[in-house]
N, C-alpha and C. Protein backbone atom coordinates (compact mmCIF):
# COMPACT_ATOMS: atom_id res chain seq x y z
N MET A 1 15.34 -4.47 -31.06
CA MET A 1 14.47 -5.08 -30.06
C MET A 1 13.14 -5.46 -30.69
N GLY A 2 12.69 -6.67 -30.39
CA GLY A 2 11.40 -7.12 -30.88
C GLY A 2 10.33 -6.90 -29.84
N ARG A 3 9.12 -6.71 -30.30
CA ARG A 3 7.97 -6.56 -29.41
C ARG A 3 7.16 -7.85 -29.47
N VAL A 4 6.90 -8.42 -28.29
CA VAL A 4 6.30 -9.74 -28.20
C VAL A 4 5.16 -9.73 -27.19
N ILE A 5 4.07 -10.39 -27.52
CA ILE A 5 2.99 -10.68 -26.57
C ILE A 5 3.03 -12.18 -26.30
N VAL A 6 3.04 -12.54 -25.03
CA VAL A 6 3.02 -13.95 -24.64
C VAL A 6 1.61 -14.27 -24.17
N GLU A 7 0.93 -15.11 -24.95
CA GLU A 7 -0.47 -15.43 -24.66
C GLU A 7 -0.58 -16.67 -23.77
N PHE A 8 -1.33 -16.52 -22.68
CA PHE A 8 -1.72 -17.60 -21.79
C PHE A 8 -2.94 -17.09 -21.04
N PRO A 9 -3.90 -17.97 -20.72
CA PRO A 9 -5.16 -17.50 -20.11
C PRO A 9 -5.03 -16.78 -18.78
N GLU A 10 -3.93 -16.96 -18.06
CA GLU A 10 -3.78 -16.28 -16.78
C GLU A 10 -2.45 -15.52 -16.74
N CYS A 11 -2.33 -14.66 -15.75
CA CYS A 11 -1.11 -13.87 -15.59
C CYS A 11 0.03 -14.77 -15.13
N ARG A 12 1.13 -14.73 -15.86
CA ARG A 12 2.32 -15.51 -15.51
C ARG A 12 3.57 -14.68 -15.77
N GLU A 13 4.61 -14.96 -15.01
CA GLU A 13 5.90 -14.35 -15.31
C GLU A 13 6.45 -15.03 -16.55
N VAL A 14 7.07 -14.24 -17.42
CA VAL A 14 7.66 -14.74 -18.66
C VAL A 14 9.17 -14.76 -18.49
N PHE A 15 9.78 -15.88 -18.86
CA PHE A 15 11.23 -16.00 -18.85
C PHE A 15 11.72 -16.16 -20.27
N VAL A 16 12.78 -15.45 -20.59
CA VAL A 16 13.47 -15.60 -21.88
C VAL A 16 14.88 -16.02 -21.52
N GLY A 17 15.25 -17.22 -21.96
CA GLY A 17 16.47 -17.82 -21.42
C GLY A 17 16.19 -18.08 -19.95
N ASP A 18 17.04 -17.63 -19.08
CA ASP A 18 16.81 -17.80 -17.64
C ASP A 18 16.47 -16.49 -16.95
N LYS A 19 16.18 -15.46 -17.74
CA LYS A 19 15.93 -14.14 -17.16
C LYS A 19 14.45 -13.77 -17.22
N GLY A 20 13.92 -13.33 -16.07
CA GLY A 20 12.54 -12.87 -16.01
C GLY A 20 12.36 -11.59 -16.81
N GLN A 21 11.26 -11.51 -17.55
CA GLN A 21 10.97 -10.34 -18.38
C GLN A 21 9.72 -9.59 -17.91
N GLY A 22 9.15 -10.02 -16.79
CA GLY A 22 7.91 -9.42 -16.31
C GLY A 22 6.74 -10.34 -16.63
N ASN A 23 5.55 -9.87 -16.33
CA ASN A 23 4.34 -10.67 -16.54
C ASN A 23 3.80 -10.51 -17.95
N ASN A 24 3.01 -11.50 -18.36
CA ASN A 24 2.38 -11.44 -19.69
C ASN A 24 1.12 -10.58 -19.69
N ARG A 25 0.53 -10.31 -18.52
CA ARG A 25 -0.70 -9.51 -18.42
C ARG A 25 -0.56 -8.47 -17.31
N ASN A 26 -1.33 -7.40 -17.44
CA ASN A 26 -1.35 -6.39 -16.37
C ASN A 26 -2.45 -6.73 -15.36
N GLU A 27 -2.67 -5.88 -14.38
CA GLU A 27 -3.65 -6.14 -13.31
C GLU A 27 -5.08 -6.23 -13.84
N GLN A 28 -5.36 -5.59 -14.97
CA GLN A 28 -6.70 -5.62 -15.58
C GLN A 28 -6.87 -6.85 -16.49
N GLY A 29 -5.82 -7.67 -16.63
CA GLY A 29 -5.90 -8.87 -17.45
C GLY A 29 -5.55 -8.65 -18.91
N GLU A 30 -5.11 -7.45 -19.26
CA GLU A 30 -4.75 -7.15 -20.64
C GLU A 30 -3.31 -7.60 -20.90
N TYR A 31 -3.07 -8.06 -22.14
CA TYR A 31 -1.72 -8.48 -22.50
C TYR A 31 -0.76 -7.30 -22.50
N LEU A 32 0.46 -7.56 -22.04
CA LEU A 32 1.52 -6.56 -22.06
C LEU A 32 2.46 -6.87 -23.23
N ILE A 33 2.99 -5.83 -23.84
CA ILE A 33 3.99 -6.00 -24.89
C ILE A 33 5.36 -5.98 -24.24
N LEU A 34 6.12 -7.05 -24.45
CA LEU A 34 7.46 -7.16 -23.88
C LEU A 34 8.50 -6.82 -24.94
N LEU A 35 9.53 -6.11 -24.55
CA LEU A 35 10.65 -5.81 -25.45
C LEU A 35 11.71 -6.88 -25.26
N ILE A 36 11.97 -7.64 -26.33
CA ILE A 36 12.87 -8.78 -26.27
C ILE A 36 13.96 -8.60 -27.33
N GLY A 37 15.18 -8.98 -27.01
CA GLY A 37 16.28 -8.88 -27.96
C GLY A 37 16.02 -9.70 -29.21
N ASP A 38 16.46 -9.19 -30.36
CA ASP A 38 16.30 -9.90 -31.63
C ASP A 38 17.12 -11.19 -31.62
N GLY A 39 16.68 -12.14 -32.44
CA GLY A 39 17.39 -13.41 -32.58
C GLY A 39 16.59 -14.55 -32.00
N LEU A 40 17.18 -15.73 -31.99
CA LEU A 40 16.51 -16.92 -31.48
C LEU A 40 16.45 -16.85 -29.96
N GLN A 41 15.24 -16.83 -29.42
CA GLN A 41 15.03 -16.71 -27.98
C GLN A 41 14.15 -17.86 -27.50
N THR A 42 14.42 -18.35 -26.28
CA THR A 42 13.63 -19.44 -25.71
C THR A 42 12.75 -18.87 -24.60
N PHE A 43 11.44 -19.07 -24.76
CA PHE A 43 10.42 -18.57 -23.85
C PHE A 43 9.87 -19.70 -22.99
N ARG A 44 9.59 -19.38 -21.73
CA ARG A 44 8.85 -20.29 -20.84
C ARG A 44 8.10 -19.43 -19.83
N LEU A 45 7.18 -20.05 -19.12
CA LEU A 45 6.36 -19.35 -18.13
C LEU A 45 6.77 -19.77 -16.73
N GLY A 46 6.57 -18.86 -15.79
CA GLY A 46 6.78 -19.19 -14.39
C GLY A 46 5.53 -19.85 -13.82
N GLY A 47 5.61 -20.28 -12.59
CA GLY A 47 4.46 -20.89 -11.92
C GLY A 47 4.31 -22.36 -12.26
N GLU A 48 3.09 -22.85 -12.06
CA GLU A 48 2.78 -24.26 -12.32
C GLU A 48 3.12 -24.65 -13.75
N LYS A 49 3.56 -25.87 -13.94
CA LYS A 49 3.86 -26.38 -15.28
C LYS A 49 2.60 -27.00 -15.89
N ASN A 50 1.51 -26.23 -15.89
CA ASN A 50 0.22 -26.71 -16.43
C ASN A 50 -0.05 -26.11 -17.80
N TYR A 51 1.00 -26.05 -18.61
CA TYR A 51 0.87 -25.46 -19.95
C TYR A 51 1.73 -26.23 -20.94
N THR A 52 1.39 -26.07 -22.20
CA THR A 52 2.18 -26.66 -23.28
C THR A 52 2.41 -25.62 -24.35
N PRO A 53 3.50 -25.71 -25.06
CA PRO A 53 4.69 -26.49 -24.72
C PRO A 53 5.37 -25.90 -23.49
N LEU A 54 6.26 -26.65 -22.86
CA LEU A 54 6.93 -26.16 -21.66
C LEU A 54 7.93 -25.05 -21.99
N SER A 55 8.43 -25.02 -23.21
CA SER A 55 9.26 -23.91 -23.68
C SER A 55 9.12 -23.82 -25.19
N GLN A 56 9.42 -22.65 -25.72
CA GLN A 56 9.37 -22.42 -27.16
C GLN A 56 10.56 -21.58 -27.58
N SER A 57 11.24 -22.04 -28.62
CA SER A 57 12.31 -21.24 -29.21
C SER A 57 11.72 -20.52 -30.41
N VAL A 58 11.86 -19.19 -30.41
CA VAL A 58 11.21 -18.35 -31.40
C VAL A 58 12.24 -17.36 -31.96
N GLN A 59 12.22 -17.17 -33.26
CA GLN A 59 13.06 -16.17 -33.89
C GLN A 59 12.37 -14.81 -33.72
N VAL A 60 12.91 -14.00 -32.85
CA VAL A 60 12.32 -12.69 -32.55
C VAL A 60 12.86 -11.68 -33.56
N GLY A 61 11.93 -10.95 -34.15
CA GLY A 61 12.29 -9.90 -35.09
C GLY A 61 11.84 -8.57 -34.57
N SER A 62 11.62 -7.67 -35.44
CA SER A 62 11.25 -6.31 -35.03
C SER A 62 9.74 -6.12 -35.12
N GLY A 63 8.98 -6.88 -34.32
CA GLY A 63 7.53 -6.68 -34.27
C GLY A 63 7.21 -5.26 -33.83
N SER A 64 6.12 -4.73 -34.33
CA SER A 64 5.76 -3.35 -34.02
C SER A 64 4.76 -3.28 -32.87
N VAL A 65 4.51 -2.08 -32.38
CA VAL A 65 3.52 -1.88 -31.33
C VAL A 65 2.15 -2.29 -31.85
N ILE A 66 1.89 -2.01 -33.12
CA ILE A 66 0.60 -2.35 -33.72
C ILE A 66 0.48 -3.85 -33.99
N LEU A 67 1.57 -4.47 -34.41
CA LEU A 67 1.56 -5.90 -34.74
C LEU A 67 2.73 -6.61 -34.05
N PRO A 68 2.67 -6.77 -32.71
CA PRO A 68 3.75 -7.49 -32.03
C PRO A 68 3.71 -8.97 -32.39
N GLN A 69 4.86 -9.63 -32.28
CA GLN A 69 4.90 -11.08 -32.45
C GLN A 69 4.13 -11.71 -31.30
N ARG A 70 3.60 -12.88 -31.55
CA ARG A 70 2.86 -13.59 -30.50
C ARG A 70 3.51 -14.94 -30.23
N VAL A 71 3.64 -15.24 -28.96
CA VAL A 71 4.12 -16.54 -28.50
C VAL A 71 2.96 -17.10 -27.68
N VAL A 72 2.44 -18.25 -28.09
CA VAL A 72 1.21 -18.78 -27.48
C VAL A 72 1.49 -20.05 -26.69
N PHE A 73 1.05 -20.05 -25.44
CA PHE A 73 1.09 -21.23 -24.60
C PHE A 73 -0.35 -21.63 -24.30
N HIS A 74 -0.62 -22.93 -24.22
CA HIS A 74 -1.96 -23.45 -23.95
C HIS A 74 -1.99 -24.15 -22.60
N ARG A 75 -3.11 -24.02 -21.91
CA ARG A 75 -3.28 -24.71 -20.64
C ARG A 75 -3.38 -26.21 -20.92
N SER A 76 -2.69 -26.99 -20.11
CA SER A 76 -2.77 -28.45 -20.24
C SER A 76 -3.59 -29.02 -19.09
N ALA A 77 -3.99 -30.25 -19.23
CA ALA A 77 -4.84 -30.88 -18.21
C ALA A 77 -4.05 -31.30 -17.00
């Protein structure tokens, strides 16, 4: 299992494939570390499609608690 942080300026539900994995942030606004299966995984966010890219395929490895992998989405206009 890989450990991943999904970065986006606001709290959003994270989908890997078509399955929800929980939110990217907790109630205090801090990033949450998600446990994701190893291998090529496709990430997207729930809610408004006001971000880029709309999805990302990422090779998930065994990121650690100290150094989780990061998947970054940016707010679009």
